[in-house]
Amino acid sequence: MIERKIFRFGALALLFLLPLFALAQKGEKIQTIVIDAGHGGKDTGALGAVTTEKAVNLAVAKKLGAYIEENMPDVKVVYTRKTDKFVNLSERAAIANRNNADVFISIHCNSTEGTTTARGAETFVMGESKNEKNLAVAKKENAAILLEDNTDAYDNFDPNSTEAYILFSLTQSLYQSQSLNFADKVQKQFKNKAGRHDRGVQQAGFLVLWKTSMPSILVELGFINNVKEEQFLNSEKGQTQMALALYRAFEDYKREFESENHTASKPKANDKPASSGNGGTYFTVQFSTLDKKVPVTDKAFKGVKEVEVYHYNGAYRYTSGRFQTKADAIARQNEVRNLGFKDAFVIAFINGERGTLKQAEEALKK
């Protein structure tokens, strides 16, 4: 069978020109996220013994959206689908672009041929496929265009042609660094909070990511043809844990982005630190975030000095120490990380409310 020719001027021109239309991430706040439940309708995606990929994707997508809507009222959540329907790959990206989204996340499940022992979660960003495994995943996900009635939007792209993916190496997204940052946070949450085997952050040529004009990632929650992983992903507990991991990663990404732009959202009136002596401006080290409140003397925090807790954006956050200089806080951060809390980071309070590090530095100079 002769492969369709893909090295046409139109395709090459589009690939080269696409980044020129993209702008830096809009504004200084993350206000809109588009959540894409992969596959749907006549496109079942990968098949497990008792469920389908499209069903798992949708369940996790809706849970993730619900967590964001409940805890982040300043963020608009848009879904590419909320029911079992088929949506073209180009339309999924178009939905994100039309809504001027700040972040796009496409949710999928993996599967393999010839083996049922592959396991773990991985997160992809748009880029050149570095190995045959990544290429195979991209081919599988891009094959959805073969179910579409009109493929003109893809300029004769053949999802089964290895040669076609060479085109993806000719362009680099302006959002690649942000996408990689978000993807890294997702993988840490999958590993540390959801207990999944970490397959790392990968790059491959996904049409649904290529068409988006914002930081974008595609997650593979696990292998649906692995009996144990299918049981986990098809369970209420498993879907909740994966959705929570994605929520926490998005929360961390949003906080970091807005802190760097000095626009971090202020806590609500009931979200001030729960410890005594809330007034004042200081630096502290946040080292743990929990859905349920536990005592600051909990054995899980053994060895951590001066533990306090505050409630913010629907979660309980645990901190260590209060410092008048960022340098002192960084020294405590290193101590806490050496105790096993590898994700500990410095935050600041201004008059008892969450603020940016720069705001605290300026306030303490006065």
Protein backbone atom coordinates (compact mmCIF):
# COMPACT_ATOMS: atom_id res chain seq x y z
CA MET A 1 0.00 0.00 0.00
CA ILE A 2 1.39 3.38 -1.02
CA GLU A 3 1.37 5.94 1.79
CA ARG A 4 -0.33 9.25 1.11
CA LYS A 5 2.15 11.98 0.37
CA ILE A 6 2.48 14.39 3.24
CA PHE A 7 5.47 16.55 2.37
CA ARG A 8 3.40 19.21 0.69
CA PHE A 9 4.10 22.91 0.79
CA GLY A 10 0.84 23.60 2.62
CA ALA A 11 1.65 21.22 5.45
CA LEU A 12 5.20 22.45 5.81
CA ALA A 13 4.15 26.08 5.70
CA LEU A 14 1.51 25.53 8.36
CA LEU A 15 3.96 23.77 10.63
CA PHE A 16 6.51 26.56 10.31
CA LEU A 17 4.01 29.39 10.66
CA LEU A 18 1.91 28.05 13.53
CA PRO A 19 4.25 29.23 16.32
CA LEU A 20 4.20 32.74 14.84
CA PHE A 21 0.51 33.04 15.62
CA ALA A 22 0.99 31.95 19.23
CA LEU A 23 1.47 34.52 21.96
CA ALA A 24 2.99 34.25 25.39
CA GLN A 25 0.61 32.84 27.98
CA LYS A 26 -2.30 35.24 28.18
CA GLY A 27 -2.28 37.75 31.03
CA GLU A 28 -0.79 37.28 34.44
CA LYS A 29 -3.43 34.98 35.88
CA ILE A 30 -4.68 31.54 34.91
CA GLN A 31 -8.37 32.06 34.38
CA THR A 32 -9.51 29.30 32.02
CA ILE A 33 -8.69 25.61 31.74
CA VAL A 34 -9.99 23.28 29.03
CA ILE A 35 -10.33 19.64 30.06
CA ASP A 36 -10.45 17.15 27.20
CA ALA A 37 -11.77 13.65 27.88
CA GLY A 38 -10.11 11.68 25.11
CA HIS A 39 -12.13 9.62 22.59
CA GLY A 40 -15.93 9.25 23.02
CA GLY A 41 -18.97 8.10 21.08
CA LYS A 42 -18.04 5.83 18.18
CA ASP A 43 -14.37 6.13 19.23
CA THR A 44 -14.06 3.84 22.25
CA GLY A 45 -10.31 4.23 22.56
CA ALA A 46 -8.42 1.36 24.19
CA LEU A 47 -10.41 -1.61 25.49
CA GLY A 48 -10.07 -3.26 28.86
CA ALA A 49 -11.64 -6.48 30.03
CA VAL A 50 -14.64 -4.73 31.60
CA THR A 51 -14.49 -1.09 30.55
CA THR A 52 -13.44 1.28 27.80
CA GLU A 53 -10.89 4.06 27.73
CA LYS A 54 -13.50 6.64 26.75
CA ALA A 55 -15.51 5.92 29.92
CA VAL A 56 -12.53 6.21 32.27
CA ASN A 57 -11.33 9.39 30.57
CA LEU A 58 -14.72 11.06 30.97
CA ALA A 59 -15.11 10.05 34.61
CA VAL A 60 -11.71 11.45 35.59
CA ALA A 61 -12.21 14.61 33.49
CA LYS A 62 -15.52 15.41 35.21
CA LYS A 63 -14.06 14.80 38.66
CA LEU A 64 -11.09 17.05 37.90
CA GLY A 65 -13.39 19.79 36.65
CA ALA A 66 -15.58 19.50 39.75
CA TYR A 67 -12.59 19.91 42.07
CA ILE A 68 -11.47 23.04 40.23
CA GLU A 69 -14.98 24.53 40.12
CA GLU A 70 -15.47 23.92 43.84
CA ASN A 71 -12.10 25.17 45.06
CA MET A 72 -11.07 27.74 42.46
CA PRO A 73 -14.02 30.03 41.75
CA ASP A 74 -11.70 32.36 39.81
CA VAL A 75 -11.05 29.65 37.18
CA LYS A 76 -13.46 28.92 34.33
CA VAL A 77 -13.65 25.22 33.47
CA VAL A 78 -14.51 24.24 29.89
CA TYR A 79 -15.01 20.63 28.79
CA THR A 80 -14.57 19.35 25.24
CA ARG A 81 -17.22 16.80 26.11
CA LYS A 82 -19.31 15.99 29.20
CA THR A 83 -21.18 13.09 27.64
CA ASP A 84 -20.36 10.03 25.55
CA LYS A 85 -20.03 11.77 22.21
CA PHE A 86 -17.45 11.88 19.43
CA VAL A 87 -15.50 15.13 19.01
CA ASN A 88 -13.00 15.70 16.19
CA LEU A 89 -9.38 16.19 17.26
CA SER A 90 -9.24 19.56 15.54
CA GLU A 91 -12.44 20.67 17.29
CA ARG A 92 -11.02 19.77 20.71
CA ALA A 93 -8.13 22.14 20.15
CA ALA A 94 -10.45 24.72 18.59
CA ILE A 95 -12.59 24.72 21.75
CA ALA A 96 -9.49 25.61 23.77
CA ASN A 97 -8.47 28.33 21.33
CA ARG A 98 -11.98 29.85 21.10
CA ASN A 99 -12.18 30.06 24.89
CA ASN A 100 -8.78 31.74 25.08
CA ALA A 101 -7.71 29.00 27.49
CA ASP A 102 -4.62 29.35 29.66
CA VAL A 103 -4.12 25.59 30.07
CA PHE A 104 -5.25 22.54 28.08
CA ILE A 105 -5.19 18.99 29.42
CA SER A 106 -6.18 15.91 27.42
CA ILE A 107 -6.94 12.78 29.46
CA HIS A 108 -6.31 9.27 28.12
CA CYS A 109 -5.53 5.67 29.09
CA ASN A 110 -2.77 3.59 27.56
CA SER A 111 -2.65 0.04 26.21
CA THR A 112 -0.09 -2.25 24.62
CA GLU A 113 -0.09 -5.03 22.06
CA GLY A 114 1.38 -8.41 22.88
CA THR A 115 1.75 -7.83 26.62
CA THR A 116 -0.48 -7.05 29.57
CA THR A 117 2.27 -6.29 32.07
CA ALA A 118 3.06 -2.70 31.10
CA ARG A 119 2.08 -0.31 33.89
CA GLY A 120 2.29 3.25 35.09
CA ALA A 121 1.25 6.79 34.22
CA GLU A 122 3.02 9.19 31.91
CA THR A 123 2.49 12.73 30.65
CA PHE A 124 3.22 13.96 27.13
CA VAL A 125 3.93 17.36 25.68
CA MET A 126 4.08 18.25 22.00
CA GLY A 127 7.46 17.40 20.50
CA GLU A 128 9.49 14.96 18.49
CA SER A 129 8.96 11.29 19.32
CA LYS A 130 12.24 10.21 20.90
CA ASN A 131 11.65 6.46 20.65
CA GLU A 132 9.39 3.83 19.10
CA LYS A 133 7.22 3.55 22.23
CA ASN A 134 6.38 7.26 22.21
CA LEU A 135 5.71 7.11 18.48
CA ALA A 136 3.37 4.17 18.99
CA VAL A 137 1.36 6.11 21.59
CA ALA A 138 1.07 9.10 19.28
CA LYS A 139 -0.03 6.92 16.36
CA LYS A 140 -2.69 5.30 18.49
CA GLU A 141 -4.14 8.60 19.74
CA ASN A 142 -3.92 10.32 16.35
CA ALA A 143 -5.73 7.42 14.68
CA ALA A 144 -8.98 9.00 15.87
CA ILE A 145 -8.94 11.20 12.75
CA LEU A 146 -9.64 8.09 10.67
CA LEU A 147 -13.14 8.09 12.22
CA GLU A 148 -13.79 11.67 11.16
CA ASP A 149 -15.92 12.47 8.12
CA ASN A 150 -13.69 15.30 6.93
CA THR A 151 -9.91 15.25 7.44
CA ASP A 152 -9.11 18.38 5.45
CA ALA A 153 -8.05 20.13 8.66
CA TYR A 154 -5.02 17.83 8.84
CA ASP A 155 -3.74 18.44 5.30
CA ASN A 156 -3.59 14.75 4.35
CA PHE A 157 -1.72 13.80 7.53
CA ASP A 158 -1.50 10.02 7.78
CA PRO A 159 -1.47 8.94 11.46
CA ASN A 160 -0.04 5.55 10.51
CA SER A 161 2.93 6.93 8.58
CA THR A 162 6.18 7.10 10.51
CA GLU A 163 7.41 9.56 7.90
CA ALA A 164 4.58 11.96 8.81
CA TYR A 165 5.91 12.46 12.31
CA ILE A 166 9.15 13.89 11.00
CA LEU A 167 7.16 17.05 10.32
CA PHE A 168 6.55 17.53 14.01
CA SER A 169 10.28 17.91 14.63
CA LEU A 170 10.30 21.02 12.41
CA THR A 171 8.42 23.17 14.89
CA GLN A 172 8.80 23.99 18.57
CA SER A 173 5.86 25.27 20.59
CA LEU A 174 6.35 28.61 22.31
CA TYR A 175 4.65 26.97 25.28
CA GLN A 176 6.96 23.98 25.54
CA SER A 177 8.73 25.12 28.71
CA GLN A 178 5.43 25.82 30.49
CA SER A 179 4.00 22.53 29.24
CA LEU A 180 7.04 20.62 30.50
CA ASN A 181 6.76 22.36 33.87
CA PHE A 182 3.09 21.42 34.20
CA ALA A 183 3.79 17.86 33.01
CA ASP A 184 6.52 17.45 35.61
CA LYS A 185 4.13 18.51 38.37
CA VAL A 186 1.55 16.02 37.14
CA GLN A 187 4.01 13.14 37.21
CA LYS A 188 5.14 14.00 40.74
CA GLN A 189 1.53 13.92 41.91
CA PHE A 190 0.82 10.64 40.11
CA LYS A 191 3.83 9.08 41.82
CA ASN A 192 3.77 10.65 45.28
CA LYS A 193 0.03 11.09 45.90
CA ALA A 194 -1.68 8.49 43.71
CA GLY A 195 1.04 5.85 44.13
CA ARG A 196 1.37 5.11 40.42
CA HIS A 197 4.48 3.82 38.69
CA ASP A 198 6.22 6.85 37.18
CA ARG A 199 6.86 6.53 33.43
CA GLY A 200 8.04 10.13 33.28
CA VAL A 201 7.45 13.13 31.05
CA GLN A 202 7.62 12.34 27.34
CA GLN A 203 7.40 14.12 24.00
CA ALA A 204 5.53 12.98 20.91
CA GLY A 205 3.56 14.35 17.97
CA PHE A 206 -0.06 14.60 19.06
CA LEU A 207 -2.42 16.43 16.71
CA VAL A 208 -4.65 17.54 19.57
CA LEU A 209 -1.69 19.30 21.24
CA TRP A 210 -0.21 20.67 18.02
CA LYS A 211 -3.35 22.70 17.31
CA THR A 212 -3.58 24.38 20.72
CA SER A 213 -2.26 27.87 21.45
CA MET A 214 -1.48 27.56 25.16
CA PRO A 215 0.51 25.29 27.51
CA SER A 216 -0.90 21.82 26.80
CA ILE A 217 -0.35 18.29 28.04
CA LEU A 218 -1.73 14.82 27.33
CA VAL A 219 -1.82 12.36 30.22
CA GLU A 220 -1.95 8.57 30.02
CA LEU A 221 -3.48 7.52 33.34
CA GLY A 222 -2.39 3.90 33.10
CA PHE A 223 -2.67 0.74 31.03
CA ILE A 224 -6.25 -0.35 30.64
CA ASN A 225 -5.21 -3.77 29.30
CA ASN A 226 -3.31 -4.47 32.54
CA VAL A 227 -5.82 -6.22 34.83
CA LYS A 228 -4.67 -4.52 38.04
CA GLU A 229 -4.46 -1.08 36.48
CA GLU A 230 -7.86 -1.46 34.84
CA GLN A 231 -9.38 -2.39 38.20
CA PHE A 232 -7.84 0.72 39.74
CA LEU A 233 -8.82 3.07 36.92
CA ASN A 234 -12.36 1.67 36.75
CA SER A 235 -12.92 2.14 40.49
CA GLU A 236 -14.33 5.18 42.26
CA LYS A 237 -11.23 5.32 44.45
CA GLY A 238 -8.83 5.14 41.52
CA GLN A 239 -10.63 7.77 39.48
CA THR A 240 -10.80 10.07 42.52
CA GLN A 241 -7.09 9.67 43.25
CA MET A 242 -6.09 10.40 39.65
CA ALA A 243 -8.39 13.41 39.44
CA LEU A 244 -7.04 14.75 42.74
CA ALA A 245 -3.47 14.29 41.51
CA LEU A 246 -4.28 16.31 38.39
CA TYR A 247 -6.03 18.96 40.49
CA ARG A 248 -3.05 19.34 42.84
CA ALA A 249 -0.66 19.61 39.90
CA PHE A 250 -2.83 22.30 38.31
CA GLU A 251 -3.07 24.11 41.63
CA ASP A 252 0.71 24.07 42.01
CA TYR A 253 1.21 25.24 38.43
CA LYS A 254 -1.31 28.07 38.84
CA ARG A 255 0.17 29.19 42.17
CA GLU A 256 3.70 29.19 40.81
CA PHE A 257 2.76 31.02 37.61
CA GLU A 258 0.77 33.71 39.40
CA SER A 259 3.37 34.09 42.13
CA GLU A 260 6.01 34.76 39.51
CA ASN A 261 3.69 37.36 37.99
CA HIS A 262 2.81 38.76 41.45
CA THR A 263 -0.88 38.05 41.00
CA ALA A 264 -1.39 35.10 43.34
CA SER A 265 -5.00 34.96 44.50
CA LYS A 266 -5.58 36.16 48.02
CA PRO A 267 -7.19 33.69 50.41
CA LYS A 268 -10.84 33.99 51.29
CA ALA A 269 -11.78 35.38 54.68
CA ASN A 270 -11.97 31.88 56.16
CA ASP A 271 -8.76 30.75 54.49
CA LYS A 272 -6.28 32.55 56.73
CA PRO A 273 -3.72 30.55 58.69
CA ALA A 274 -5.43 28.42 61.30
CA SER A 275 -2.60 28.91 63.83
CA SER A 276 -2.51 31.68 66.42
CA GLY A 277 -0.80 35.01 65.79
CA ASN A 278 -2.01 35.42 62.23
CA GLY A 279 -0.83 39.01 61.91
CA GLY A 280 2.52 40.10 60.60
CA THR A 281 4.60 39.60 57.50
CA TYR A 282 6.96 36.67 57.23
CA PHE A 283 8.36 33.87 55.10
CA THR A 284 7.63 30.23 55.86
CA VAL A 285 8.19 26.82 54.28
CA GLN A 286 5.19 24.88 53.00
CA PHE A 287 5.94 21.16 52.92
CA SER A 288 2.65 19.26 52.87
CA THR A 289 -0.90 19.60 51.53
CA LEU A 290 -3.73 17.36 52.78
CA ASP A 291 -7.43 17.05 52.04
CA LYS A 292 -8.21 16.40 55.70
CA LYS A 293 -6.82 18.25 58.70
CA VAL A 294 -4.43 16.37 61.01
CA PRO A 295 -2.70 17.65 64.17
CA VAL A 296 0.55 19.56 63.67
CA THR A 297 2.08 16.97 66.02
CA ASP A 298 1.19 14.10 63.67
CA LYS A 299 3.93 11.47 63.44
CA ALA A 300 4.13 12.04 59.68
CA PHE A 301 5.76 15.40 60.44
CA LYS A 302 8.34 13.96 62.82
CA GLY A 303 11.52 16.01 62.81
CA VAL A 304 9.94 19.10 61.24
CA LYS A 305 10.29 22.17 63.46
CA GLU A 306 7.59 24.73 64.28
CA VAL A 307 4.77 23.15 62.31
CA GLU A 308 1.67 25.27 61.61
CA VAL A 309 -1.38 24.72 59.41
CA TYR A 310 -3.59 26.99 57.33
CA HIS A 311 -6.58 26.38 55.07
CA TYR A 312 -6.38 27.65 51.50
CA ASN A 313 -8.30 26.82 48.31
CA GLY A 314 -10.01 23.81 49.85
CA ALA A 315 -6.96 22.07 51.35
CA TYR A 316 -4.93 22.08 54.57
CA ARG A 317 -1.36 23.23 54.07
CA TYR A 318 1.40 22.62 56.59
CA THR A 319 4.30 25.01 57.12
CA SER A 320 7.51 25.15 59.12
CA GLY A 321 8.77 28.30 60.85
CA ARG A 322 8.34 32.05 60.45
CA PHE A 323 11.25 34.06 59.11
CA GLN A 324 12.02 37.71 58.47
CA THR A 325 14.36 36.96 55.58
CA LYS A 326 13.96 34.72 52.56
CA ALA A 327 17.49 33.39 53.10
CA ASP A 328 16.51 32.02 56.52
CA ALA A 329 13.40 30.45 55.02
CA ILE A 330 15.46 28.81 52.28
CA ALA A 331 17.76 27.34 54.93
CA ARG A 332 14.71 25.81 56.65
CA GLN A 333 13.44 24.60 53.28
CA ASN A 334 16.66 22.63 52.80
CA GLU A 335 16.29 21.12 56.29
CA VAL A 336 12.72 20.04 55.57
CA ARG A 337 13.63 18.57 52.19
CA ASN A 338 16.35 16.52 53.86
CA LEU A 339 13.63 15.03 56.07
CA GLY A 340 11.93 13.62 53.00
CA PHE A 341 9.60 16.45 51.98
CA LYS A 342 11.25 16.95 48.60
CA ASP A 343 8.61 19.38 47.29
CA ALA A 344 8.91 21.86 50.18
CA PHE A 345 8.99 25.48 49.00
CA VAL A 346 9.08 28.99 50.46
CA ILE A 347 5.89 31.07 50.63
CA ALA A 348 5.06 34.40 52.23
CA PHE A 349 2.34 35.98 54.34
CA ILE A 350 1.62 39.71 54.39
CA ASN A 351 -0.43 40.81 57.39
CA GLY A 352 -1.64 37.27 57.88
CA GLU A 353 -2.67 36.67 54.24
CA ARG A 354 -0.94 34.73 51.46
CA GLY A 355 1.11 36.96 49.21
CA THR A 356 4.05 36.77 46.87
CA LEU A 357 7.69 36.58 47.93
CA LYS A 358 8.35 39.93 46.28
CA GLN A 359 5.49 41.57 48.19
CA ALA A 360 6.86 40.23 51.47
CA GLU A 361 10.38 41.42 50.70
CA GLU A 362 9.10 44.91 49.92
CA ALA A 363 6.91 45.01 53.02
CA LEU A 364 9.76 43.91 55.30
CA LYS A 365 12.03 46.65 53.94
CA LYS A 366 9.67 49.36 55.18
